[in-house]
Protein backbone atom coordinates (compact mmCIF):
# COMPACT_ATOMS: atom_id res chain seq x y z
CA MET A 1 -7.09 -8.35 -21.44
CA GLU A 2 -5.57 -11.76 -21.62
CA LYS A 3 -4.85 -14.40 -19.27
CA TYR A 4 -1.33 -15.61 -18.75
CA GLY A 5 -2.13 -18.79 -16.33
CA ASP A 6 -4.16 -17.09 -13.86
CA ILE A 7 -2.70 -13.78 -14.31
CA PRO A 8 -4.66 -11.03 -16.06
CA VAL A 9 -2.34 -8.97 -18.32
CA CYS A 10 -3.88 -5.71 -20.03
CA GLY A 11 -2.27 -4.04 -22.83
CA THR A 12 -0.37 -5.19 -26.22
CA PRO A 13 2.49 -5.65 -26.80
CA VAL A 14 3.09 -7.36 -23.37
CA ASP A 15 6.42 -6.67 -21.91
CA LEU A 16 8.11 -10.03 -21.57
CA GLY A 17 10.27 -9.27 -18.93
CA ALA A 18 7.64 -7.52 -16.89
CA LEU A 19 5.54 -10.73 -17.64
CA GLU A 20 8.20 -12.86 -16.19
CA GLN A 21 8.49 -10.79 -13.25
CA ILE A 22 4.71 -10.87 -12.42
CA GLU A 23 4.80 -14.85 -13.01
CA ARG A 24 7.64 -14.83 -10.51
CA ALA A 25 5.37 -12.70 -7.89
CA ARG A 26 2.05 -14.81 -8.50
CA ALA A 27 4.26 -17.88 -7.33
CA THR A 28 4.74 -16.08 -3.88
CA CYS A 29 1.10 -15.32 -3.10
CA GLU A 30 -2.61 -15.69 -4.00
CA PHE A 31 -3.05 -12.93 -6.63
CA ALA A 32 -1.28 -11.04 -9.34
CA ALA A 33 -2.37 -8.75 -12.27
CA LEU A 34 -0.54 -6.50 -14.96
CA MET A 35 -2.04 -3.17 -16.14
CA ALA A 36 -1.76 -1.56 -19.44
CA ASP A 37 0.92 0.43 -18.82
CA HIS A 38 3.36 -2.42 -17.26
CA HIS A 39 7.10 -2.45 -17.45
CA LYS A 40 10.04 -4.05 -15.63
CA GLY A 41 10.92 -2.66 -12.29
CA TYR A 42 12.46 -3.90 -8.98
CA GLY A 43 11.27 -7.39 -8.08
CA VAL A 44 7.61 -6.55 -9.14
CA PRO A 45 7.12 -4.62 -12.54
CA ILE A 46 5.74 -1.23 -12.74
CA GLY A 47 1.94 -1.73 -13.04
CA GLY A 48 2.02 -4.85 -11.06
CA VAL A 49 -0.85 -5.63 -8.52
CA VAL A 50 -0.19 -8.49 -5.99
CA ALA A 51 -2.19 -9.70 -3.30
CA SER A 52 -2.02 -11.84 -0.10
CA GLN A 53 -4.51 -12.57 2.73
CA VAL A 54 -1.59 -12.79 5.29
CA SER A 55 1.30 -10.55 4.18
CA VAL A 56 2.35 -7.31 2.90
CA SER A 57 5.29 -6.91 0.37
CA PRO A 58 7.54 -3.98 0.52
CA THR A 59 9.04 -5.15 -2.86
CA ALA A 60 5.53 -4.52 -4.39
CA VAL A 61 4.84 -1.11 -3.20
CA GLY A 62 8.62 0.11 -4.22
CA TYR A 63 11.05 2.68 -3.00
CA ASP A 64 8.79 5.84 -3.54
CA ILE A 65 6.19 4.84 -1.00
CA ALA A 66 2.89 6.56 -1.69
CA CYS A 67 3.84 8.07 -5.14
CA GLY A 68 0.51 9.30 -6.42
CA ASN A 69 -1.43 12.24 -8.34
CA LEU A 70 -3.49 14.90 -7.36
CA ALA A 71 -5.70 16.80 -9.72
CA ALA A 72 -7.62 20.01 -8.25
CA ARG A 73 -10.07 22.16 -10.17
CA VAL A 74 -9.73 25.94 -9.73
CA ASP A 75 -12.37 28.52 -10.13
CA ILE A 76 -10.24 30.85 -12.54
CA ASP A 77 -11.24 31.55 -16.16
CA ALA A 78 -8.79 29.47 -18.52
CA ASN A 79 -8.30 32.48 -20.86
CA GLN A 80 -6.83 34.38 -17.88
CA VAL A 81 -4.18 31.77 -17.33
CA ARG A 82 -3.45 31.73 -21.09
CA ALA A 83 -3.05 35.21 -20.97
CA LYS A 84 -0.31 35.16 -18.30
CA ILE A 85 0.88 31.23 -18.66
CA ALA A 86 4.60 32.48 -18.91
CA SER A 87 4.73 34.57 -15.77
CA ILE A 88 2.66 31.96 -14.01
CA MET A 89 4.91 29.00 -14.86
CA ASP A 90 7.98 31.37 -13.77
CA LYS A 91 6.52 31.81 -10.55
CA ILE A 92 5.77 28.22 -9.99
CA ALA A 93 9.21 27.27 -10.86
CA SER A 94 10.74 29.85 -8.58
CA GLN A 95 8.51 29.11 -5.65
CA ILE A 96 8.28 25.68 -5.61
CA SER A 97 11.24 23.33 -5.39
CA PHE A 98 12.10 20.49 -8.21
CA GLY A 99 15.14 18.53 -8.41
CA ILE A 100 17.58 18.01 -5.65
CA GLY A 101 17.40 20.26 -2.70
CA ARG A 102 15.16 23.14 -1.93
CA LYS A 103 15.06 26.51 -3.53
CA SER A 104 11.62 27.73 -1.80
CA ASN A 105 11.74 29.48 1.63
CA TRP A 106 8.04 28.26 2.61
CA ASP A 107 7.92 26.23 5.75
CA ILE A 108 5.30 23.66 5.95
CA GLN A 109 3.98 22.78 9.32
CA HIS A 110 1.69 19.43 9.69
CA PRO A 111 0.32 17.38 12.39
CA LEU A 112 1.61 14.39 11.17
CA PHE A 113 4.85 15.39 12.80
CA ASP A 114 3.52 14.99 15.93
CA SER A 115 2.97 11.30 15.55
CA PRO A 116 4.72 9.33 18.02
CA LEU A 117 5.59 6.63 15.30
CA TRP A 118 8.75 9.12 14.84
CA ASP A 119 10.01 8.10 17.87
CA GLU A 120 8.62 4.53 18.10
CA LEU A 121 9.64 2.89 14.74
CA PRO A 122 13.66 1.67 14.35
CA ALA A 123 13.20 2.44 10.54
CA PHE A 124 12.57 6.23 11.77
CA GLN A 125 15.74 6.12 13.90
CA GLN A 126 18.17 6.70 10.53
CA THR A 127 20.24 9.51 10.67
CA SER A 128 22.62 11.35 7.86
CA LYS A 129 24.90 14.13 8.61
CA GLY A 130 23.59 14.82 11.79
CA TYR A 131 19.83 14.97 10.64
CA THR A 132 17.24 12.48 11.79
CA LEU A 133 14.68 11.02 8.94
CA LYS A 134 12.28 13.06 10.64
CA ASP A 135 14.26 16.12 9.98
CA THR A 136 14.57 15.11 6.23
CA ALA A 137 10.93 14.55 5.94
CA HIS A 138 10.24 18.02 7.34
CA PHE A 139 12.93 19.75 5.07
CA GLN A 140 11.40 18.00 1.90
CA LEU A 141 7.66 18.38 2.46
CA GLY A 142 6.37 20.41 -0.38
CA THR A 143 9.34 19.66 -2.75
CA VAL A 144 8.51 17.75 -6.04
CA GLY A 145 11.64 15.90 -6.65
CA SER A 146 13.00 15.19 -10.06
CA GLY A 147 12.51 12.28 -12.81
CA ASN A 148 9.02 11.99 -14.05
CA HIS A 149 7.66 13.87 -11.30
CA TYR A 150 6.17 17.17 -12.35
CA VAL A 151 3.51 20.39 -11.44
CA ASP A 152 1.41 20.98 -14.30
CA LEU A 153 -1.81 23.24 -15.55
CA PHE A 154 -4.73 21.51 -17.42
CA VAL A 155 -7.81 22.41 -19.25
CA ASP A 156 -10.59 20.02 -19.57
CA GLU A 157 -13.51 19.51 -21.97
CA LYS A 158 -15.35 22.32 -20.55
CA ASP A 159 -12.31 24.71 -20.66
CA ARG A 160 -11.95 24.69 -16.86
CA VAL A 161 -8.52 24.87 -15.24
CA TRP A 162 -7.08 22.10 -13.15
CA ILE A 163 -3.77 21.87 -11.30
CA GLY A 164 -1.95 18.54 -11.41
CA VAL A 165 0.74 17.00 -9.60
CA HIS A 166 2.58 13.84 -9.21
CA PHE A 167 5.00 12.60 -6.57
CA GLY A 168 5.42 10.66 -3.46
CA SER A 169 7.10 10.63 -0.02
CA ARG A 170 10.46 12.03 -1.35
CA GLY A 171 13.86 10.63 0.57
CA PHE A 172 11.39 9.80 3.54
CA GLY A 173 9.69 7.26 1.87
CA HIS A 174 12.72 5.50 -0.25
CA LYS A 175 15.09 5.51 3.19
CA THR A 176 11.99 4.03 4.86
CA ALA A 177 11.67 1.32 2.27
CA THR A 178 15.22 0.73 1.78
CA TRP A 179 15.29 -0.17 5.65
CA PHE A 180 12.64 -2.73 5.66
CA LEU A 181 13.89 -4.18 2.45
CA ASP A 182 17.29 -4.73 4.22
CA ALA A 183 15.75 -5.89 7.25
CA ALA A 184 13.64 -8.52 5.61
CA ASN A 185 17.00 -9.32 3.67
CA ALA A 186 15.47 -8.82 0.34
CA ASN A 187 17.77 -9.94 -2.77
CA GLU A 188 18.84 -6.84 -4.61
CA ASN A 189 18.61 -8.41 -8.11
CA MET A 190 16.05 -6.91 -10.22
CA ASP A 191 14.63 -10.01 -11.33
CA ALA A 192 14.36 -11.70 -7.74
CA ALA A 193 11.16 -12.70 -6.12
CA PRO A 194 9.36 -10.12 -3.81
CA VAL A 195 9.80 -10.44 -0.31
CA TRP A 196 6.69 -10.63 1.92
CA LEU A 197 6.22 -9.60 5.77
CA ALA A 198 3.56 -11.54 7.77
CA ALA A 199 1.12 -8.81 8.45
CA ARG A 200 0.73 -9.87 12.32
CA SER A 201 4.39 -10.15 12.66
CA ASP A 202 6.61 -7.57 14.26
CA LEU A 203 8.40 -6.45 11.38
CA GLY A 204 5.16 -6.61 9.36
CA GLU A 205 3.24 -4.29 11.78
CA GLN A 206 6.05 -1.89 11.90
CA TYR A 207 6.02 -1.58 8.08
CA ILE A 208 2.31 -1.18 7.75
CA LYS A 209 2.68 1.83 10.36
CA ALA A 210 5.49 3.21 8.23
CA LEU A 211 3.47 2.77 5.17
CA ASP A 212 0.41 4.52 6.74
CA LEU A 213 2.72 7.50 7.94
CA ALA A 214 4.45 7.64 4.67
CA GLY A 215 1.01 7.85 2.99
CA GLN A 216 0.02 10.73 5.04
CA TYR A 217 3.07 12.42 4.23
CA ALA A 218 2.55 12.15 0.50
CA TYR A 219 -0.81 13.35 0.61
CA ALA A 220 0.43 16.61 2.56
CA GLY A 221 3.00 17.17 0.21
CA ARG A 222 0.81 17.08 -2.83
CA GLU A 223 -1.83 19.13 -1.30
CA ALA A 224 0.69 21.87 0.01
CA VAL A 225 1.98 22.08 -3.76
CA VAL A 226 -1.40 22.18 -5.21
CA ASP A 227 -2.22 24.97 -2.33
CA LYS A 228 0.69 27.01 -3.44
CA VAL A 229 0.12 26.76 -7.24
CA ALA A 230 -3.79 27.95 -6.40
CA GLU A 231 -2.24 30.94 -4.38
CA ILE A 232 -0.01 31.88 -7.51
CA LEU A 233 -3.08 31.71 -9.49
CA GLY A 234 -5.00 33.59 -7.34
CA ALA A 235 -7.65 30.82 -7.53
CA GLU A 236 -10.04 28.83 -5.09
CA ILE A 237 -9.95 24.89 -5.19
CA VAL A 238 -13.33 23.79 -5.83
CA GLU A 239 -12.81 19.85 -6.56
CA THR A 240 -9.91 17.55 -6.24
CA VAL A 241 -9.05 13.76 -7.23
CA HIS A 242 -6.22 12.38 -5.09
CA ASN A 243 -4.84 8.87 -5.21
CA HIS A 244 -1.63 6.79 -4.39
CA HIS A 245 -0.58 4.41 -6.97
CA ASN A 246 2.51 2.85 -5.09
CA PHE A 247 1.01 1.54 -1.78
CA ALA A 248 -0.76 -1.46 0.00
CA TRP A 249 -4.35 -1.57 1.07
CA LEU A 250 -6.13 -4.00 3.14
CA GLU A 251 -9.15 -4.90 0.99
CA LYS A 252 -12.07 -7.14 0.73
CA HIS A 253 -12.18 -9.37 -2.56
CA ASN A 254 -14.71 -12.07 -3.02
CA GLY A 255 -15.68 -12.12 0.72
CA LEU A 256 -11.98 -12.38 1.77
CA ASP A 257 -9.63 -9.80 3.19
CA TYR A 258 -6.25 -9.10 1.38
CA TRP A 259 -3.28 -7.12 1.35
CA VAL A 260 -3.57 -5.56 -1.98
CA CYS A 261 -0.29 -4.04 -3.43
CA ARG A 262 -0.18 -1.95 -6.34
CA LYS A 263 2.92 -0.45 -7.75
CA GLY A 264 2.41 1.94 -10.71
CA ALA A 265 -1.31 0.74 -10.52
CA THR A 266 -4.26 3.17 -9.70
CA PRO A 267 -6.95 1.74 -7.29
CA ALA A 268 -10.42 2.07 -9.09
CA ARG A 269 -13.57 0.54 -7.04
CA PRO A 270 -16.84 1.39 -8.62
CA GLY A 271 -17.47 5.00 -8.28
CA GLN A 272 -13.62 5.69 -7.22
CA ARG A 273 -11.92 8.30 -9.58
CA GLY A 274 -8.42 8.64 -9.64
CA PHE A 275 -6.34 11.07 -11.74
CA VAL A 276 -4.15 9.25 -14.13
CA GLY A 277 -1.51 11.77 -15.50
CA GLY A 278 0.67 11.46 -18.21
CA SER A 279 4.41 12.84 -18.09
CA MET A 280 5.09 16.64 -17.91
CA GLY A 281 3.44 18.43 -20.71
CA ASP A 282 1.20 15.64 -21.82
CA ASN A 283 -2.28 15.07 -21.30
CA ALA A 284 -4.18 13.28 -18.47
CA VAL A 285 -7.37 11.93 -17.75
CA ILE A 286 -9.75 11.51 -14.81
CA VAL A 287 -10.97 7.92 -14.36
CA GLU A 288 -13.58 6.37 -12.51
CA GLY A 289 -13.98 2.74 -11.58
CA VAL A 290 -17.01 0.70 -12.66
CA GLU A 291 -18.34 -2.57 -11.71
CA SER A 292 -17.72 -5.47 -14.13
CA PRO A 293 -16.36 -9.18 -14.60
CA GLU A 294 -12.97 -7.38 -15.60
CA SER A 295 -12.71 -5.01 -12.94
CA ARG A 296 -13.12 -7.71 -10.25
CA GLU A 297 -10.78 -9.83 -12.07
CA LEU A 298 -8.29 -7.00 -11.54
CA PHE A 299 -8.72 -6.21 -8.37
CA TYR A 300 -10.49 -2.93 -9.24
CA SER A 301 -6.97 -1.58 -10.51
CA THR A 302 -6.26 0.41 -13.36
CA VAL A 303 -3.32 2.45 -15.01
CA HIS A 304 -1.20 5.07 -13.27
CA GLY A 305 0.13 6.66 -16.58
CA ALA A 306 2.97 8.74 -15.32
CA GLY A 307 6.51 7.85 -16.57
CA ARG A 308 4.64 5.07 -18.69
CA VAL A 309 6.21 3.21 -21.71
CA MET A 310 3.25 3.53 -24.15
CA SER A 311 1.36 6.75 -24.20
CA ARG A 312 -1.49 7.61 -21.70
CA THR A 313 -4.12 7.19 -24.51
CA ALA A 314 -2.82 3.98 -25.65
CA ALA A 315 -2.47 2.65 -22.03
CA THR A 316 -6.15 3.48 -21.35
CA GLY A 317 -7.29 2.39 -24.41
CA LYS A 318 -6.20 -0.99 -24.35
CA SER A 319 -7.82 -1.66 -20.77
CA ARG A 320 -11.11 0.51 -21.30
CA TRP A 321 -13.94 0.55 -20.66
CA GLY A 322 -14.45 -2.77 -18.73
CA LYS A 323 -12.93 -1.47 -15.46
CA VAL A 324 -12.81 2.45 -15.98
CA LYS A 325 -14.58 5.59 -17.52
CA GLY A 326 -12.81 8.83 -17.68
CA GLU A 327 -12.62 12.49 -19.02
CA GLY A 328 -9.62 14.22 -20.39
CA LEU A 329 -7.48 17.03 -19.43
CA SER A 330 -5.18 18.87 -21.88
CA ARG A 331 -2.49 20.97 -21.26
CA ARG A 332 -2.68 23.63 -23.27
CA THR A 333 -0.46 26.91 -23.74
CA PRO A 334 -1.25 30.13 -25.62
């Protein structure tokens, strides 16, 4: 880890475009840092962490609110999965929806759709082709999407089987983020400074409420997909590791409260575990935060891995072991 001014930066080589963005962001808030798998993003780089004592930034959370990873260990013999891997993956592909639209016919009911926020928040009153944002969210719950989002199967060092998924709040989160960025008059230039909403302002309070519901939605979607894969495997889930990496949390650092916004960065407080996934078909790792001076300097944050520029191994290697320790998950097929 190196310091650029007062900004801790992990990983080499440093992406100069991302560095310029995080320096610009730092000028608007009290803290900024770059994780080892950083690269340019919209306003705030992917792998960027920024924090303010009084404000929260929709730019620094990003469009895919609550995008994150879930890893679940299941009680099935790895050899049994290897023997049927082709048919298992065919079932996953046919029963879970990837890309645009929905192929699977399973309907997911969830208590989050009973929240009064759907009717209270102006951001949620958006409609498209006669459908409300709540309708869209309900329709897309449990769909994975496209890009670097995935469902995968892994084995660990003990040959235990894990299900891994990576995706976020889908169209609901994107439309919600867009509404708040527009309401804040955010500059659409990729290199513009991030916008901040005072946490105690009306718009800031609305955003925090919307953020919380989008976070619940993303958790529900990832859990539903993992449950479906476990059902396909005929297995029970015995352990999970679940985290967002595009989110804002109210946290205490150095005795002060901060709104910590992480975009493509995994929270890693001492003892807190996280699933850092690679791209589809790549290896992944379970990390655990540790107490150290480096950890504190990074506001207890680490890499997120998925969709990265450098490899997952290289990224974690550049930042270990001052703030995380980990164990690997390898994707294996017959």
